[in-house]
């Protein structure tokens, strides 16, 4: 199946409804691509639906799902997956990503729960990913999540992720902030973790802010500015794999569009610096 990374480039933003009017009224491109959760937009009509369609005609989009529950015990919602496929076709969206987690068990749990790191879970999740890909007719990208406890762990996190990617033959949405958060909370070296991932499977990246609760506990909030160590880890990720499209996530405490620009520009600066270094070394 095809990897659709080449349909986007540069630095993207998560589209939130508070940003729709500023993005619509702005004459220039405020981002290289935008990301939305399909659950928030499938079936939306009226003026809001028209405004969304106008943005999909101006910007490349990616979908980042919230409710697929790829590791959950309940059967896959195949009707929803077909809705996602139709939505992607309508808006010419090429990339669909989801979380390597589960969020439902006979009903939505409203949180991203960690999947046990075990061989059994690898096979279970991989089969469900393959079914999603069969319905969509393309590969999807699975995101490494932040987590705070492990249950039934038989494998290291990195081994679990790599095994799922290999067995499912899917792509990876690499959340750099989640690597940093998990490394601090679970005591591993973040760059070593990233270096152990298959770079050829990375579809795009996420960076986001977090909250440091204590020296040994960071909470992934997406509600603050990106901290310097995460920027450094993003730069090291580019050094390892080359420039990859990168999205700035902000889900809470969302500032005006112009206040997000310095962080988006910082992504661009790191990308340009890496491209310059690559040319200089070639």
Protein backbone atom coordinates (compact mmCIF):
# COMPACT_ATOMS: atom_id res chain seq x y z
CA UNK A 1 0.00 0.00 0.00
CA UNK A 2 1.06 3.55 -0.69
CA UNK A 3 2.69 6.00 1.74
CA UNK A 4 1.06 9.39 1.23
CA UNK A 5 3.59 11.56 3.08
CA UNK A 6 4.45 13.48 -0.09
CA UNK A 7 0.99 15.09 -0.15
CA UNK A 8 2.02 17.46 2.67
CA UNK A 9 5.17 19.38 3.59
CA UNK A 10 6.45 22.00 5.98
CA UNK A 11 4.74 23.10 9.19
CA UNK A 12 1.06 22.49 9.90
CA UNK A 13 -1.55 23.53 12.44
CA UNK A 14 -4.41 21.69 14.08
CA UNK A 15 -7.65 23.28 12.90
CA UNK A 16 -9.87 24.30 15.80
CA UNK A 17 -13.16 26.12 15.34
CA UNK A 18 -11.81 29.24 17.02
CA UNK A 19 -9.22 29.44 14.24
CA UNK A 20 -11.62 29.04 11.33
CA UNK A 21 -12.54 32.71 10.87
CA UNK A 22 -8.92 33.96 11.15
CA UNK A 23 -7.77 31.30 8.68
CA UNK A 24 -10.60 32.12 6.28
CA UNK A 25 -10.07 35.87 6.42
CA UNK A 26 -6.30 35.74 6.15
CA UNK A 27 -5.18 36.32 2.53
CA UNK A 28 -1.94 34.34 2.83
CA UNK A 29 -1.37 30.76 3.94
CA UNK A 30 -1.12 30.58 7.72
CA UNK A 31 0.15 26.99 7.60
CA UNK A 32 1.46 24.50 5.07
CA UNK A 33 -1.27 22.02 5.99
CA UNK A 34 -4.10 21.61 8.50
CA UNK A 35 -5.19 18.65 10.62
CA UNK A 36 -8.70 17.80 11.84
CA UNK A 37 -10.46 14.98 13.64
CA UNK A 38 -12.97 13.49 11.17
CA UNK A 39 -15.41 12.81 14.03
CA UNK A 40 -15.80 16.58 14.45
CA UNK A 41 -16.65 17.26 10.80
CA UNK A 42 -18.35 14.27 9.19
CA UNK A 43 -21.96 15.25 8.55
CA UNK A 44 -21.49 18.93 9.38
CA UNK A 45 -23.45 21.10 6.93
CA UNK A 46 -24.76 24.64 6.71
CA UNK A 47 -22.48 27.65 6.97
CA UNK A 48 -19.94 25.78 9.05
CA UNK A 49 -19.76 22.99 6.50
CA UNK A 50 -19.29 25.51 3.70
CA UNK A 51 -16.53 27.27 5.63
CA UNK A 52 -14.79 23.95 6.17
CA UNK A 53 -15.05 23.07 2.49
CA UNK A 54 -13.57 26.46 1.57
CA UNK A 55 -10.54 25.68 3.76
CA UNK A 56 -10.07 22.19 2.30
CA UNK A 57 -9.97 23.83 -1.12
CA UNK A 58 -7.19 26.19 0.04
CA UNK A 59 -5.07 23.95 2.25
CA UNK A 60 -3.82 20.36 2.19
CA UNK A 61 -5.49 18.46 5.05
CA UNK A 62 -4.72 15.37 7.11
CA UNK A 63 -7.15 13.49 9.35
CA UNK A 64 -6.25 12.56 12.92
CA UNK A 65 -8.91 10.32 14.41
CA UNK A 66 -10.09 10.16 18.00
CA UNK A 67 -12.51 7.25 18.22
CA UNK A 68 -11.33 4.30 16.11
CA UNK A 69 -10.19 2.50 19.29
CA UNK A 70 -7.78 0.34 17.33
CA UNK A 71 -6.74 -1.64 20.41
CA UNK A 72 -10.18 -1.90 21.98
CA UNK A 73 -12.13 -5.09 22.76
CA UNK A 74 -15.24 -4.08 20.81
CA UNK A 75 -15.58 -4.84 17.08
CA UNK A 76 -14.30 -2.18 14.71
CA UNK A 77 -16.92 0.35 13.67
CA UNK A 78 -16.69 -0.42 9.96
CA UNK A 79 -19.58 1.90 9.12
CA UNK A 80 -17.59 4.76 10.60
CA UNK A 81 -14.48 3.74 8.66
CA UNK A 82 -16.51 3.90 5.44
CA UNK A 83 -17.71 7.36 6.45
CA UNK A 84 -14.07 8.37 6.87
CA UNK A 85 -13.29 7.03 3.41
CA UNK A 86 -16.13 9.02 1.82
CA UNK A 87 -15.07 12.13 3.75
CA UNK A 88 -11.49 11.78 2.50
CA UNK A 89 -12.71 11.39 -1.08
CA UNK A 90 -15.01 14.40 -0.81
CA UNK A 91 -12.26 16.68 0.47
CA UNK A 92 -9.32 15.05 -1.38
CA UNK A 93 -7.54 14.16 1.87
CA UNK A 94 -4.80 11.55 1.51
CA UNK A 95 -3.61 10.86 5.08
CA UNK A 96 -5.57 9.34 7.97
CA UNK A 97 -3.88 8.78 11.31
CA UNK A 98 -5.08 7.34 14.59
CA UNK A 99 -3.76 6.61 18.07
CA UNK A 100 -2.09 3.34 19.03
CA UNK A 101 -4.50 2.97 21.94
CA UNK A 102 -8.11 2.22 22.72
CA UNK A 103 -10.87 4.55 23.86
CA UNK A 104 -14.01 2.44 24.06
CA UNK A 105 -15.40 -0.72 25.65
CA UNK A 106 -19.13 -0.91 25.04
CA UNK A 107 -19.08 2.90 25.06
CA UNK A 108 -16.57 5.73 24.81
CA UNK A 109 -14.11 6.11 27.69
CA UNK A 110 -13.15 9.69 26.70
CA UNK A 111 -9.49 8.97 27.16
CA UNK A 112 -6.69 7.23 25.29
CA UNK A 113 -5.91 4.02 27.15
CA UNK A 114 -2.59 2.21 26.66
CA UNK A 115 -2.55 -1.18 25.00
CA UNK A 116 -0.61 -3.90 26.86
CA UNK A 117 2.83 -4.27 25.31
CA UNK A 118 2.59 -7.97 24.47
CA UNK A 119 2.94 -10.28 21.46
CA UNK A 120 -0.76 -11.11 21.68
CA UNK A 121 -1.66 -7.41 21.52
CA UNK A 122 0.65 -6.92 18.54
CA UNK A 123 -1.22 -9.56 16.54
CA UNK A 124 -4.64 -8.28 17.65
CA UNK A 125 -3.92 -4.65 16.82
CA UNK A 126 -2.15 -5.42 13.56
CA UNK A 127 -5.12 -7.41 12.26
CA UNK A 128 -7.46 -4.52 13.09
CA UNK A 129 -5.18 -2.00 11.39
CA UNK A 130 -5.02 -4.21 8.30
CA UNK A 131 -8.81 -4.36 8.21
CA UNK A 132 -9.04 -0.56 8.36
CA UNK A 133 -6.49 -0.30 5.57
CA UNK A 134 -8.41 -2.81 3.46
CA UNK A 135 -11.60 -0.75 3.78
CA UNK A 136 -9.85 2.55 3.05
CA UNK A 137 -7.69 1.09 0.30
CA UNK A 138 -4.56 2.75 1.69
CA UNK A 139 -2.13 2.67 4.59
CA UNK A 140 -2.93 4.60 7.74
CA UNK A 141 -0.52 6.16 10.23
CA UNK A 142 -0.56 5.09 13.88
CA UNK A 143 0.56 7.54 16.59
CA UNK A 144 2.67 6.68 19.62
CA UNK A 145 0.65 7.86 22.62
CA UNK A 146 1.67 9.22 26.01
CA UNK A 147 0.80 6.88 28.88
CA UNK A 148 1.25 6.86 32.64
CA UNK A 149 0.93 3.19 33.61
CA UNK A 150 1.47 -0.17 31.93
CA UNK A 151 -0.64 -3.29 32.35
CA UNK A 152 0.37 -6.74 31.22
CA UNK A 153 3.66 -5.46 29.81
CA UNK A 154 5.82 -8.17 28.26
CA UNK A 155 7.77 -6.04 25.76
CA UNK A 156 9.49 -2.67 25.70
CA UNK A 157 7.39 0.11 24.21
CA UNK A 158 9.76 0.56 21.27
CA UNK A 159 9.62 -3.16 20.45
CA UNK A 160 5.83 -3.13 20.63
CA UNK A 161 5.50 -0.15 18.28
CA UNK A 162 7.98 -1.55 15.78
CA UNK A 163 6.29 -4.94 15.81
CA UNK A 164 2.88 -3.38 15.13
CA UNK A 165 4.25 -1.25 12.27
CA UNK A 166 5.90 -4.29 10.71
CA UNK A 167 3.05 -6.78 11.10
CA UNK A 168 0.33 -4.32 10.04
CA UNK A 169 2.45 -2.77 7.27
CA UNK A 170 1.23 0.67 8.31
CA UNK A 171 2.82 4.08 8.74
CA UNK A 172 3.79 6.02 11.87
CA UNK A 173 2.67 9.40 13.11
CA UNK A 174 5.60 10.19 15.37
CA UNK A 175 4.64 12.45 18.25
CA UNK A 176 7.97 13.88 19.42
CA UNK A 177 6.45 15.40 22.55
CA UNK A 178 4.96 12.04 23.53
CA UNK A 179 8.40 10.45 23.24
CA UNK A 180 9.82 13.16 25.52
CA UNK A 181 6.96 12.78 28.03
CA UNK A 182 7.16 8.99 28.15
CA UNK A 183 10.96 9.05 28.40
CA UNK A 184 10.76 11.29 31.46
CA UNK A 185 7.92 9.33 33.07
CA UNK A 186 9.27 5.84 32.36
CA UNK A 187 13.01 6.38 32.48
CA UNK A 188 14.41 5.92 29.00
CA UNK A 189 16.49 8.05 26.64
CA UNK A 190 14.24 9.81 24.11
CA UNK A 191 16.70 10.15 21.23
CA UNK A 192 17.67 6.48 21.44
CA UNK A 193 13.96 5.62 21.23
CA UNK A 194 13.52 7.76 18.10
CA UNK A 195 16.64 6.35 16.46
CA UNK A 196 15.20 2.85 16.90
CA UNK A 197 12.09 3.70 14.85
CA UNK A 198 11.83 2.94 11.10
CA UNK A 199 12.22 6.36 9.52
CA UNK A 200 10.83 5.21 6.18
CA UNK A 201 7.44 4.61 7.81
CA UNK A 202 7.09 8.08 9.36
CA UNK A 203 4.18 9.90 7.71
CA UNK A 204 4.44 13.15 9.68
CA UNK A 205 5.32 14.48 13.12
CA UNK A 206 3.55 16.12 16.04
CA UNK A 207 5.01 18.60 18.52
CA UNK A 208 3.06 20.01 21.44
CA UNK A 209 3.31 21.48 24.90
CA UNK A 210 2.91 19.69 28.22
CA UNK A 211 2.74 20.32 31.97
CA UNK A 212 5.46 19.24 34.39
CA UNK A 213 3.67 18.01 37.50
CA UNK A 214 6.87 16.87 39.25
CA UNK A 215 10.47 16.00 38.43
CA UNK A 216 9.41 12.49 37.45
CA UNK A 217 5.91 13.21 36.10
CA UNK A 218 5.00 15.13 32.96
CA UNK A 219 1.38 15.39 31.82
CA UNK A 220 0.71 15.60 28.10
CA UNK A 221 -1.78 18.49 27.85
CA UNK A 222 -1.39 20.11 24.40
CA UNK A 223 -2.27 23.27 26.29
CA UNK A 224 1.02 25.17 26.46
CA UNK A 225 3.96 26.25 24.35
CA UNK A 226 6.50 23.66 23.22
CA UNK A 227 9.48 23.56 25.61
CA UNK A 228 13.11 23.82 24.53
CA UNK A 229 14.00 20.14 25.14
CA UNK A 230 11.18 19.09 22.78
CA UNK A 231 12.41 21.56 20.14
CA UNK A 232 15.87 20.03 20.52
CA UNK A 233 14.44 16.54 20.15
CA UNK A 234 12.57 17.64 17.01
CA UNK A 235 15.82 18.99 15.57
CA UNK A 236 17.55 15.71 16.39
CA UNK A 237 14.70 13.82 14.69
CA UNK A 238 15.30 15.85 11.51
CA UNK A 239 19.02 15.11 11.79
CA UNK A 240 18.25 11.40 12.04
CA UNK A 241 15.60 11.07 9.33
CA UNK A 242 15.69 14.29 7.32
CA UNK A 243 12.98 16.95 7.19
CA UNK A 244 9.51 15.50 7.82
CA UNK A 245 6.19 17.43 7.74
CA UNK A 246 5.49 18.57 11.29
CA UNK A 247 2.26 19.68 12.95
CA UNK A 248 1.97 22.02 15.94
CA UNK A 249 -0.76 20.67 18.23
CA UNK A 250 -2.71 22.98 20.53
CA UNK A 251 -5.95 21.58 21.94
CA UNK A 252 -6.48 23.72 25.05
CA UNK A 253 -5.75 27.34 26.01
CA UNK A 254 -5.79 28.06 22.28
CA UNK A 255 -4.37 31.54 21.63
CA UNK A 256 -5.16 33.76 18.64
CA UNK A 257 -3.72 32.57 15.33
CA UNK A 258 -0.95 35.18 15.31
CA UNK A 259 0.30 33.93 18.69
CA UNK A 260 0.79 30.44 17.25
CA UNK A 261 2.97 31.79 14.45
CA UNK A 262 6.27 31.98 16.38
CA UNK A 263 6.10 28.24 17.11
CA UNK A 264 5.09 27.40 13.56
CA UNK A 265 7.95 29.59 12.33
CA UNK A 266 10.33 27.77 14.63
CA UNK A 267 9.38 24.49 12.95
CA UNK A 268 10.16 26.12 9.60
CA UNK A 269 13.50 27.41 10.87
CA UNK A 270 14.57 23.96 12.06
CA UNK A 271 13.50 22.44 8.75
CA UNK A 272 15.37 25.06 6.71
CA UNK A 273 18.49 24.64 8.84
CA UNK A 274 18.44 20.89 8.34
CA UNK A 275 17.95 21.29 4.58
CA UNK A 276 20.87 23.77 4.50
CA UNK A 277 23.08 21.36 6.44
CA UNK A 278 22.14 18.54 4.09
CA UNK A 279 23.04 20.59 1.00
CA UNK A 280 26.31 21.73 2.58
CA UNK A 281 27.30 18.14 3.39
CA UNK A 282 26.27 16.73 0.02
